[in-house]
Amino acid sequence: MHAIVMHSTQPWPANARASIDAAAARWGCDVRVFDFAYAPHPSWARLELAKHLRDYDRVLVLDPDVFISQDCPNVFALAPRTHVCMAMELQSLEDRIGPYPWNGALAQWRNHLGRRVSIEHHLQGGVCLYSPQLHWQTFEKMLGWWNMHGRFSHAPIYEQPMWHEVGERLFHLPIRRMSRLLNRHTRKQHELPQHYIMHLTGGDKARRIAETNWRAPALEPLRLVKEAAGANAPMQERLLHLLHLSLFHEAIVVQGAGLMSVVALLAQTTAGSVTWVCEGNIDTSRCTQSEGAGRVRVARGNAEMIAKRARATLLVRTGDDGLPAWQVIEAAAEHSPVQDWWRSANEPHTPLGVVRRRVARLLG
């Protein structure tokens, strides 16, 4: 059993709630609402919720200003059960939504941790999918760490840097960075939804929430598929399935010189990188000039070995029918004992961590 969950001390806006109820009906899941107060900031309740939701296999926790379009694929059927799935906050910079709202919070985290808190690793918690039965104990450790080392020494700040800096780095919380199509910030008012899950930001929010149209198909995924497939209907259908599957894959390997359009499509949807394995002299100018080209790398050699080195979780090839075919590769996370020791030794409560914090504060 799955659930869509919202936590807020304010009422859930009616139009946003209607989109959630419609998605829950399509996906066959419950809708749960929590309104308990939580410090140091209400967003920290995302961690607290897990222990109250252990009867569910997986939950999708949303902010109250989030909409799900009527054609959004069932995220519970696509996401890996073993991981916490979130989108990267970096899209705020890429979309020129600014000034970047987290600079002050990141500076506080830097002073507290004694190390640089990278914007590139900052995760956006407004859409968060996890398995309470698997992850609630790690969430409790993260909250306990904060209560012991930071909660009483700092002003209330957002929890979002903690997912990577404490959860992923210290407690090995398995995080999968999902596509921005599943948590796309927008300050604009669109007549039709642009992405599968829309997250409203900016002012005049009450009016914009009330007027948002979530009942039409999302335009951006359809545009990307038509650009890649042209008028080929079977290719469009296959690529739409591939796009849905890629929403929860960070490292993808594509094998074959004839799959340039597939590479370009995946580069614009994945939150991670695409490795294009092809032999011979291939003209990559069209691919490298496309949007998302910074996520594409060209390689030559054995695709399976390249996928293993890249820790890829999705391998795409040309199938017997001439259309793209894929293989999902789920491997256990690997941790270096030396790296784990170094990270633990640098945490704020250790002697080395105390020195680093003091130096950071002096330099900050």
Protein backbone atom coordinates (compact mmCIF):
# COMPACT_ATOMS: atom_id res chain seq x y z
CA MET A 1 0.00 0.00 0.00
CA HIS A 2 1.22 3.48 -0.91
CA ALA A 3 0.22 6.99 0.14
CA ILE A 4 0.55 10.59 -0.98
CA VAL A 5 1.27 12.70 2.10
CA MET A 6 1.18 16.41 2.85
CA HIS A 7 2.36 18.14 6.01
CA SER A 8 1.43 21.75 6.66
CA THR A 9 0.07 23.82 9.50
CA GLN A 10 -2.03 25.66 6.87
CA PRO A 11 -5.03 24.26 4.94
CA TRP A 12 -4.22 22.38 1.75
CA PRO A 13 -5.26 24.61 -1.22
CA ALA A 14 -8.35 23.12 -2.87
CA ASN A 15 -7.04 23.04 -6.45
CA ALA A 16 -3.71 21.46 -5.45
CA ARG A 17 -5.55 18.93 -3.28
CA ALA A 18 -7.84 18.07 -6.23
CA SER A 19 -4.80 17.17 -8.37
CA ILE A 20 -3.49 14.94 -5.58
CA ASP A 21 -6.83 13.20 -5.09
CA ALA A 22 -7.02 12.54 -8.84
CA ALA A 23 -3.50 11.05 -8.87
CA ALA A 24 -4.28 8.90 -5.83
CA ALA A 25 -7.39 7.54 -7.56
CA ARG A 26 -5.36 6.67 -10.70
CA TRP A 27 -2.55 5.05 -8.74
CA GLY A 28 -4.71 3.30 -6.13
CA CYS A 29 -3.11 4.89 -3.07
CA ASP A 30 -4.20 6.73 0.07
CA VAL A 31 -3.97 10.45 0.82
CA ARG A 32 -2.77 11.45 4.29
CA VAL A 33 -2.58 14.93 5.81
CA PHE A 34 -0.56 15.90 8.91
CA ASP A 35 -0.64 19.31 10.56
CA PHE A 36 1.45 18.98 13.71
CA ALA A 37 3.87 21.82 14.45
CA TYR A 38 7.55 21.05 14.18
CA ALA A 39 10.78 22.90 14.93
CA PRO A 40 13.29 24.21 13.90
CA HIS A 41 11.31 24.60 10.66
CA PRO A 42 8.12 22.89 9.41
CA SER A 43 10.03 21.34 6.52
CA TRP A 44 11.87 19.14 9.02
CA ALA A 45 8.59 17.27 9.52
CA ARG A 46 9.38 15.33 6.32
CA LEU A 47 11.85 13.34 8.40
CA GLU A 48 9.50 13.03 11.37
CA LEU A 49 6.62 11.72 9.24
CA ALA A 50 8.30 8.43 8.37
CA LYS A 51 7.78 6.79 11.76
CA HIS A 52 4.04 7.58 11.53
CA LEU A 53 3.78 5.98 8.08
CA ARG A 54 5.37 2.59 8.63
CA ASP A 55 2.19 0.79 7.59
CA TYR A 56 2.86 1.97 4.02
CA ASP A 57 5.33 0.42 1.64
CA ARG A 58 6.14 3.77 -0.01
CA VAL A 59 5.00 7.35 0.42
CA LEU A 60 5.21 10.47 -1.72
CA VAL A 61 5.53 13.53 0.54
CA LEU A 62 4.56 16.83 -1.10
CA ASP A 63 4.52 20.51 -0.30
CA PRO A 64 1.04 22.11 -0.41
CA ASP A 65 1.97 24.15 -3.52
CA VAL A 66 2.68 21.08 -5.67
CA PHE A 67 0.48 19.82 -8.53
CA ILE A 68 0.45 16.46 -10.29
CA SER A 69 -0.64 16.55 -13.95
CA GLN A 70 -3.31 14.12 -15.09
CA ASP A 71 -0.88 12.13 -17.29
CA CYS A 72 1.93 11.81 -14.74
CA PRO A 73 3.09 8.18 -14.69
CA ASN A 74 2.71 6.17 -11.49
CA VAL A 75 5.86 7.09 -9.59
CA PHE A 76 5.39 4.19 -7.17
CA ALA A 77 5.71 1.75 -10.07
CA LEU A 78 8.88 3.40 -11.42
CA ALA A 79 10.94 4.45 -8.40
CA PRO A 80 13.39 2.03 -6.73
CA ARG A 81 12.01 0.91 -3.37
CA THR A 82 15.46 0.96 -1.78
CA HIS A 83 16.13 4.68 -2.33
CA VAL A 84 14.90 8.07 -1.21
CA CYS A 85 14.02 9.91 -4.43
CA MET A 86 14.32 13.68 -4.68
CA ALA A 87 15.13 16.31 -7.31
CA MET A 88 18.11 18.65 -7.18
CA GLU A 89 17.61 22.23 -6.02
CA LEU A 90 20.16 23.38 -8.61
CA GLN A 91 17.36 23.78 -11.16
CA SER A 92 16.54 27.09 -9.46
CA LEU A 93 19.81 28.46 -10.79
CA GLU A 94 19.47 26.81 -14.19
CA ASP A 95 15.98 28.25 -14.61
CA ARG A 96 17.17 31.67 -13.45
CA ILE A 97 14.79 31.61 -10.50
CA GLY A 98 16.65 33.94 -8.21
CA PRO A 99 18.17 35.32 -6.25
CA TYR A 100 19.10 31.85 -5.05
CA PRO A 101 17.06 31.48 -1.84
CA TRP A 102 19.39 29.21 0.06
CA ASN A 103 22.63 31.21 0.30
CA GLY A 104 22.02 32.24 3.90
CA ALA A 105 21.05 28.73 4.95
CA LEU A 106 24.06 27.22 3.18
CA ALA A 107 26.36 29.65 4.99
CA GLN A 108 24.87 28.54 8.31
CA TRP A 109 25.36 24.91 7.39
CA ARG A 110 28.95 25.64 6.38
CA ASN A 111 29.66 27.23 9.76
CA HIS A 112 28.06 24.32 11.52
CA LEU A 113 29.68 21.49 9.56
CA GLY A 114 33.09 23.08 9.13
CA ARG A 115 33.14 22.27 5.43
CA ARG A 116 31.77 23.68 2.21
CA VAL A 117 28.13 22.85 1.59
CA SER A 118 27.88 22.46 -2.16
CA ILE A 119 24.85 23.84 -3.99
CA GLU A 120 25.36 21.04 -6.51
CA HIS A 121 24.42 18.49 -3.85
CA HIS A 122 21.50 20.43 -2.41
CA LEU A 123 18.25 18.45 -2.72
CA GLN A 124 14.75 19.87 -3.05
CA GLY A 125 12.45 18.34 -0.45
CA GLY A 126 9.11 19.59 -1.79
CA VAL A 127 8.63 16.26 -3.61
CA CYS A 128 10.13 13.36 -1.69
CA LEU A 129 9.47 9.66 -2.24
CA TYR A 130 10.71 7.04 0.21
CA SER A 131 9.94 3.71 1.90
CA PRO A 132 9.09 4.33 5.58
CA GLN A 133 9.79 0.75 6.60
CA LEU A 134 13.31 0.96 5.17
CA HIS A 135 14.23 4.57 5.87
CA TRP A 136 12.55 5.70 9.09
CA GLN A 137 15.40 4.57 11.34
CA THR A 138 17.94 6.50 9.26
CA PHE A 139 15.68 9.55 9.42
CA GLU A 140 15.61 9.20 13.21
CA LYS A 141 19.42 9.12 13.24
CA MET A 142 19.52 12.27 11.14
CA LEU A 143 17.12 14.06 13.49
CA GLY A 144 19.08 12.81 16.50
CA TRP A 145 22.32 14.05 14.97
CA TRP A 146 20.82 17.50 14.46
CA ASN A 147 19.31 17.63 17.95
CA MET A 148 22.68 16.77 19.43
CA HIS A 149 24.97 18.90 17.28
CA GLY A 150 23.10 21.80 15.83
CA ARG A 151 19.52 22.42 16.79
CA PHE A 152 20.24 24.44 19.93
CA SER A 153 23.17 26.42 18.57
CA HIS A 154 21.67 27.81 15.38
CA ALA A 155 18.63 29.76 14.29
CA PRO A 156 15.88 27.76 12.54
CA ILE A 157 16.99 26.80 9.04
CA TYR A 158 15.71 24.60 6.26
CA GLU A 159 16.49 20.91 6.44
CA GLN A 160 17.26 20.47 2.74
CA PRO A 161 21.10 20.44 2.86
CA MET A 162 20.87 17.73 5.52
CA TRP A 163 19.72 15.07 3.07
CA HIS A 164 23.13 14.92 1.44
CA GLU A 165 25.46 16.39 4.06
CA VAL A 166 24.25 14.18 6.92
CA GLY A 167 21.95 11.53 5.50
CA GLU A 168 23.94 10.51 2.43
CA ARG A 169 27.46 11.32 3.63
CA LEU A 170 27.31 10.18 7.24
CA PHE A 171 24.55 7.59 7.46
CA HIS A 172 24.72 6.23 3.88
CA LEU A 173 21.10 7.08 3.14
CA PRO A 174 20.56 5.78 -0.42
CA ILE A 175 19.35 8.77 -2.46
CA ARG A 176 18.32 8.66 -6.10
CA ARG A 177 18.17 12.06 -7.79
CA MET A 178 15.06 12.04 -9.92
CA SER A 179 14.25 14.02 -13.04
CA ARG A 180 13.27 17.66 -12.83
CA LEU A 181 10.09 16.67 -14.70
CA LEU A 182 8.92 15.34 -11.31
CA ASN A 183 9.62 18.53 -9.36
CA ARG A 184 9.85 21.50 -11.65
CA HIS A 185 9.85 24.96 -10.13
CA THR A 186 7.88 27.62 -11.88
CA ARG A 187 7.06 31.24 -11.19
CA LYS A 188 4.94 31.50 -14.32
CA GLN A 189 1.23 31.01 -14.81
CA HIS A 190 0.68 28.41 -17.54
CA GLU A 191 -2.59 27.63 -19.24
CA LEU A 192 -1.44 24.01 -19.51
CA PRO A 193 0.94 22.02 -17.31
CA GLN A 194 4.51 21.95 -18.54
CA HIS A 195 5.81 19.04 -16.45
CA TYR A 196 4.47 15.97 -14.69
CA ILE A 197 4.82 17.51 -11.23
CA MET A 198 4.82 21.29 -10.90
CA HIS A 199 6.06 23.19 -7.85
CA LEU A 200 4.92 26.80 -7.65
CA THR A 201 7.32 29.43 -6.31
CA GLY A 202 7.18 33.20 -6.04
CA GLY A 203 4.50 35.66 -5.00
CA ASP A 204 0.71 35.84 -5.44
CA LYS A 205 0.72 32.12 -4.80
CA ALA A 206 -2.89 31.75 -3.63
CA ARG A 207 -4.27 33.09 -6.91
CA ARG A 208 -1.82 31.13 -9.03
CA ILE A 209 -2.61 27.90 -7.20
CA ALA A 210 -6.32 28.44 -7.73
CA GLU A 211 -5.86 29.09 -11.46
CA THR A 212 -3.35 26.34 -12.27
CA ASN A 213 -4.64 23.86 -14.84
CA TRP A 214 -3.40 20.36 -14.02
CA ARG A 215 -6.08 18.44 -15.94
CA ALA A 216 -4.35 18.57 -19.34
CA PRO A 217 -1.36 16.45 -20.44
CA ALA A 218 2.08 17.83 -19.54
CA LEU A 219 3.56 19.58 -22.58
CA GLU A 220 7.31 19.23 -22.01
CA PRO A 221 7.55 15.39 -22.08
CA LEU A 222 5.41 15.24 -25.22
CA ARG A 223 7.56 17.88 -26.90
CA LEU A 224 10.78 16.03 -26.08
CA VAL A 225 9.42 12.72 -27.39
CA LYS A 226 8.16 14.25 -30.65
CA GLU A 227 11.50 15.99 -31.24
CA ALA A 228 13.33 12.67 -30.80
CA ALA A 229 10.93 10.41 -32.69
CA GLY A 230 9.56 12.70 -35.37
CA ALA A 231 6.35 11.36 -36.96
CA ASN A 232 7.24 7.72 -36.21
CA ALA A 233 4.32 6.63 -33.97
CA PRO A 234 5.87 3.34 -32.73
CA MET A 235 9.07 5.21 -31.89
CA GLN A 236 7.07 7.87 -30.03
CA GLU A 237 5.34 5.22 -27.94
CA ARG A 238 8.62 3.43 -27.16
CA LEU A 239 10.44 6.65 -26.27
CA LEU A 240 7.62 7.76 -23.97
CA HIS A 241 8.01 4.50 -22.05
CA LEU A 242 11.77 5.02 -21.93
CA LEU A 243 11.33 8.61 -20.73
CA HIS A 244 9.10 7.43 -17.89
CA LEU A 245 11.63 4.80 -16.89
CA SER A 246 14.52 7.27 -16.99
CA LEU A 247 12.85 9.62 -14.51
CA PHE A 248 14.49 7.73 -11.64
CA HIS A 249 17.89 6.92 -13.16
CA GLU A 250 20.98 9.08 -12.61
CA ALA A 251 23.53 7.16 -14.67
CA ILE A 252 22.46 5.87 -18.08
CA VAL A 253 24.50 4.17 -20.81
CA VAL A 254 23.28 4.22 -24.43
CA GLN A 255 24.95 1.89 -26.93
CA GLY A 256 24.78 2.47 -30.67
CA ALA A 257 25.64 5.20 -33.14
CA GLY A 258 22.06 5.27 -34.39
CA LEU A 259 20.62 6.33 -31.04
CA MET A 260 21.67 9.98 -31.09
CA SER A 261 18.07 11.15 -30.66
CA VAL A 262 17.70 8.85 -27.63
CA VAL A 263 20.84 10.31 -26.08
CA ALA A 264 19.54 13.85 -26.61
CA LEU A 265 16.19 12.93 -25.07
CA LEU A 266 17.67 11.29 -21.98
CA ALA A 267 20.17 14.13 -21.49
CA GLN A 268 17.25 16.51 -21.07
CA THR A 269 15.29 14.35 -18.64
CA THR A 270 17.76 12.58 -16.35
CA ALA A 271 19.12 14.32 -13.27
CA GLY A 272 22.50 12.71 -13.83
CA SER A 273 24.57 11.82 -16.89
CA VAL A 274 24.30 9.84 -20.12
CA THR A 275 27.25 7.89 -21.52
CA TRP A 276 26.99 7.28 -25.26
CA VAL A 277 28.93 4.20 -26.34
CA CYS A 278 29.60 4.22 -30.08
CA GLU A 279 32.36 3.02 -32.39
CA GLY A 280 34.00 4.75 -35.33
CA ASN A 281 34.02 8.40 -36.27
CA ILE A 282 30.72 9.74 -35.02
CA ASP A 283 29.55 13.30 -35.54
CA THR A 284 28.43 14.32 -32.05
CA SER A 285 27.89 18.00 -32.83
CA ARG A 286 24.09 17.71 -32.90
CA CYS A 287 24.05 15.93 -29.57
CA THR A 288 26.60 18.11 -27.80
CA GLN A 289 24.87 21.28 -28.92
CA SER A 290 21.50 20.21 -27.57
CA GLU A 291 20.06 21.30 -24.27
CA GLY A 292 21.47 19.24 -21.42
CA ALA A 293 24.65 18.54 -23.38
CA GLY A 294 26.78 18.94 -20.25
CA ARG A 295 25.34 15.63 -19.09
CA VAL A 296 26.53 13.67 -22.15
CA ARG A 297 29.86 11.88 -22.47
CA VAL A 298 31.03 9.79 -25.43
CA ALA A 299 32.91 6.54 -24.82
CA ARG A 300 34.17 3.57 -26.82
CA GLY A 301 34.50 0.00 -25.68
CA ASN A 302 32.40 -2.70 -24.07
CA ALA A 303 29.04 -1.26 -22.99
CA GLU A 304 28.66 -3.60 -20.01
CA MET A 305 32.10 -2.71 -18.64
CA ILE A 306 31.48 1.00 -19.21
CA ALA A 307 28.12 0.72 -17.44
CA LYS A 308 29.79 -0.98 -14.49
CA ARG A 309 32.49 1.69 -14.22
CA ALA A 310 29.89 4.44 -14.47
CA ARG A 311 27.65 2.66 -11.94
CA ALA A 312 24.88 2.99 -14.47
CA THR A 313 21.44 1.69 -13.58
CA LEU A 314 19.97 1.77 -17.09
CA LEU A 315 21.47 0.38 -20.31
CA VAL A 316 19.78 1.24 -23.63
CA ARG A 317 20.42 -0.52 -26.94
CA THR A 318 18.68 -1.05 -30.27
CA GLY A 319 16.29 -3.98 -30.01
CA ASP A 320 15.50 -6.68 -32.56
CA ASP A 321 12.58 -4.61 -33.81
CA GLY A 322 14.84 -1.65 -34.55
CA LEU A 323 13.45 0.37 -31.64
CA PRO A 324 15.25 1.20 -28.38
CA ALA A 325 15.30 -1.58 -25.81
CA TRP A 326 16.61 -1.32 -22.26
CA GLN A 327 17.92 -3.22 -19.30
CA VAL A 328 17.63 -2.02 -15.69
CA ILE A 329 20.78 -2.66 -13.64
CA GLU A 330 20.33 -2.29 -9.90
CA ALA A 331 23.59 -2.67 -7.99
CA ALA A 332 24.22 -2.35 -4.27
CA ALA A 333 25.87 0.88 -3.17
CA GLU A 334 29.60 0.59 -2.57
CA HIS A 335 31.36 2.40 0.24
CA SER A 336 35.09 2.80 0.68
CA PRO A 337 36.16 2.06 4.29
CA VAL A 338 38.82 4.78 4.07
CA GLN A 339 36.34 7.31 2.70
CA ASP A 340 33.79 6.37 5.36
CA TRP A 341 36.40 6.81 8.12
CA TRP A 342 37.49 10.19 6.76
CA ARG A 343 33.92 11.46 6.56
CA SER A 344 33.15 10.28 10.08
CA ALA A 345 36.37 11.81 11.43
CA ASN A 346 35.39 15.19 10.00
CA GLU A 347 31.91 15.37 11.50
CA PRO A 348 31.30 18.36 13.81
CA HIS A 349 31.36 16.39 17.09
CA THR A 350 34.84 14.90 16.50
CA PRO A 351 38.08 16.70 17.53
CA LEU A 352 39.03 17.28 13.90
CA GLY A 353 35.52 18.43 13.13
CA VAL A 354 35.58 20.93 16.01
CA VAL A 355 38.80 22.45 14.65
CA ARG A 356 37.37 22.63 11.12
CA ARG A 357 34.21 24.35 12.41
CA ARG A 358 36.20 26.96 14.27
CA VAL A 359 38.43 27.65 11.29
CA ALA A 360 35.37 27.90 9.02
CA ARG A 361 33.74 30.41 11.35
CA LEU A 362 36.90 32.50 11.54
CA LEU A 363 37.24 32.53 7.77
CA GLY A 364 33.51 33.04 7.20
